[in-house]
Protein backbone atom coordinates (compact mmCIF):
# COMPACT_ATOMS: atom_id res chain seq x y z
CA MET A 1 -19.58 15.32 9.13
CA LYS A 2 -18.88 11.61 8.62
CA PRO A 3 -16.07 12.13 6.09
CA LEU A 4 -14.47 14.76 8.30
CA LEU A 5 -14.69 12.51 11.35
CA GLY A 6 -13.22 9.63 9.37
CA PHE A 7 -10.37 11.84 8.20
CA VAL A 8 -9.70 13.07 11.74
CA SER A 9 -9.68 9.50 13.07
CA VAL A 10 -7.25 8.30 10.41
CA PHE A 11 -5.06 11.36 10.85
CA LEU A 12 -4.86 10.94 14.64
CA LEU A 13 -4.21 7.21 14.36
CA GLY A 14 -1.51 7.91 11.79
CA LEU A 15 0.23 10.21 14.25
CA VAL A 16 -0.16 7.70 17.07
CA SER A 17 1.17 4.88 14.90
CA GLY A 18 4.11 7.01 13.82
CA VAL A 19 5.08 7.64 17.42
CA SER A 20 4.73 3.94 18.21
CA PHE A 21 6.91 3.12 15.23
CA SER A 22 9.51 5.61 16.45
CA HIS A 23 9.76 3.62 19.69
CA LEU A 24 10.51 0.50 17.65
CA LEU A 25 13.20 2.38 15.73
CA GLN A 26 14.77 3.49 19.03
CA ARG A 27 14.97 -0.03 20.40
CA GLY A 28 18.13 -1.13 18.57
CA PRO A 29 20.22 1.99 19.17
CA LYS A 30 19.15 2.26 22.82
CA SER A 31 20.13 -1.36 23.43
CA THR A 32 23.75 -0.47 22.65
CA LEU A 33 23.93 2.47 25.06
CA PRO A 34 25.69 2.15 28.39
CA GLY A 35 23.46 2.79 31.41
CA LEU A 36 24.29 6.45 31.97
CA GLN A 37 23.81 7.37 28.31
CA PHE A 38 20.52 5.44 28.21
CA LEU A 39 19.35 7.29 31.30
CA ALA A 40 20.16 10.70 29.80
CA VAL A 41 18.47 9.91 26.48
CA GLN A 42 15.40 8.35 28.08
CA GLN A 43 14.86 11.18 30.52
CA VAL A 44 15.07 13.78 27.75
CA LEU A 45 12.64 11.87 25.51
CA LEU A 46 10.14 11.12 28.26
CA ARG A 47 9.90 14.77 29.16
CA ASN A 48 8.11 15.65 25.91
CA TYR A 49 6.25 12.52 24.84
CA GLY A 50 3.81 11.84 27.67
CA ARG A 51 1.24 14.62 27.66
CA LEU A 52 1.23 15.25 23.93
CA ILE A 53 0.99 11.62 22.89
CA GLY A 54 -1.53 10.87 25.62
CA GLY A 55 -3.69 13.67 24.28
CA LEU A 56 -3.43 12.30 20.74
CA GLU A 57 -4.39 8.83 21.91
CA ILE A 58 -7.41 10.06 23.85
CA ALA A 59 -8.49 12.15 20.86
CA ALA A 60 -8.09 9.08 18.61
CA LEU A 61 -10.13 7.01 21.05
CA PHE A 62 -12.98 9.51 21.09
CA SER A 63 -12.92 10.09 17.32
CA THR A 64 -13.10 6.35 16.60
CA LEU A 65 -15.87 5.92 19.17
CA ALA A 66 -17.75 8.76 17.47
CA MET A 67 -17.23 7.03 14.12
CA SER A 68 -18.84 3.87 15.48
CA ILE A 69 -21.90 5.91 16.46
CA VAL A 70 -22.38 8.13 13.41
CA THR A 71 -21.86 5.28 10.93
CA SER A 72 -24.33 2.87 12.51
CA GLY A 73 -26.28 2.63 9.23
CA LYS A 74 -23.42 0.85 7.44
CA PRO A 75 -22.76 -2.77 8.38
CA VAL A 76 -18.94 -2.88 8.38
CA VAL A 77 -17.82 0.66 9.28
CA PRO A 78 -19.08 0.69 12.89
CA LEU A 79 -17.37 -2.66 13.54
CA LEU A 80 -14.08 -1.36 12.16
CA ALA A 81 -14.44 1.80 14.25
CA ILE A 82 -15.12 -0.29 17.37
CA LEU A 83 -12.05 -2.42 16.58
CA ALA A 84 -9.96 0.74 16.25
CA SER A 85 -11.40 2.12 19.50
CA GLY A 86 -10.70 -1.10 21.34
CA CYS A 87 -7.10 -1.16 20.16
CA VAL A 88 -6.55 2.43 21.25
CA LEU A 89 -8.19 1.72 24.59
CA PHE A 90 -5.80 -1.19 25.16
CA MET A 91 -2.90 1.06 24.19
CA VAL A 92 -3.95 3.57 26.84
CA ILE A 93 -4.39 0.81 29.43
CA ILE A 94 -0.91 -0.60 28.69
CA TRP A 95 0.56 2.87 29.06
CA ALA A 96 -1.27 3.62 32.31
CA ALA A 97 -0.75 0.23 33.96
CA TRP A 98 2.81 -0.58 32.93
CA ILE A 99 4.65 2.02 30.86
CA ASN A 100 3.90 5.08 32.96
CA PRO A 101 5.17 3.41 36.15
CA ILE A 102 8.37 2.52 34.29
CA ASN A 103 8.64 6.11 33.07
CA ARG A 104 8.22 7.43 36.60
CA THR A 105 10.82 5.03 37.93
CA VAL A 106 13.37 5.90 35.24
CA ASN A 107 12.71 9.61 35.74
CA SER A 108 13.46 9.22 39.45
CA TRP A 109 16.93 7.85 38.78
CA THR A 110 20.05 9.95 38.88
CA PRO A 111 23.41 8.93 37.46
CA GLU A 112 24.42 8.00 41.00
CA SER A 113 21.28 5.93 41.70
CA LEU A 114 21.07 3.98 38.41
CA PRO A 115 20.21 0.43 39.53
CA SER A 116 22.11 -2.60 38.30
CA ASN A 117 18.94 -3.97 36.64
CA TRP A 118 18.26 -0.80 34.61
CA ALA A 119 18.37 -2.83 31.36
CA GLU A 120 15.37 -4.88 32.52
CA PHE A 121 13.35 -1.66 32.74
CA ARG A 122 14.55 -0.61 29.28
CA ASP A 123 13.68 -3.99 27.74
CA GLN A 124 10.25 -4.15 29.38
CA TRP A 125 9.51 -0.60 28.22
CA HIS A 126 10.38 -1.49 24.62
CA PHE A 127 8.47 -4.77 24.75
CA LEU A 128 5.33 -2.98 25.91
CA HIS A 129 5.74 -0.33 23.22
CA THR A 130 6.06 -3.09 20.61
CA ILE A 131 2.67 -4.42 21.72
CA ARG A 132 1.31 -0.89 21.44
CA LEU A 133 2.72 -0.63 17.91
CA VAL A 134 0.81 -3.74 16.85
CA LEU A 135 -2.36 -2.34 18.40
CA SER A 136 -1.88 1.04 16.72
CA ALA A 137 -1.27 -0.63 13.34
CA VAL A 138 -4.49 -2.62 13.70
CA ALA A 139 -6.40 0.51 14.76
CA PHE A 140 -4.94 2.55 11.89
CA SER A 141 -5.75 -0.19 9.38
CA ALA A 142 -9.29 -0.55 10.71
CA ALA A 143 -9.89 3.19 10.43
CA ILE A 144 -8.57 3.24 6.87
CA GLY A 145 -10.76 0.22 6.10
CA GLY A 146 -13.74 2.12 7.46
CA LEU A 147 -13.03 5.00 5.09
CA LEU A 148 -12.80 2.64 2.14
CA ALA A 149 -15.87 0.56 3.01
């Protein structure tokens, strides 16, 4: 059970980290897009990311929490699992408190209603996703460390 749970945690965190990294890769190209093209691209991407990635993050949170419980006999592994869980929890909080409201705002825009400060929303969205990438990398590394400990 423990090895399977460790594998599942690392697998889920790998997927989550990959998605976070994809946001970093999008940052440069999106920064060159004019407003209307940015709006079209962002609205298409947001349509598919939210529910699926949210589900992966919640699953990663629960699997790392479970790892912290079932590995309580080892001194380092539960701490690494708690670190991973904490990072994922902060990722979810950042999404819920700041990114999701930005997503909702951007999704409410039409080409005719694109505000003059649309780039501020884009830049804030990418900044927050960069923070999430750091958190996901720490969580992923902690989970891998737990497997190797």
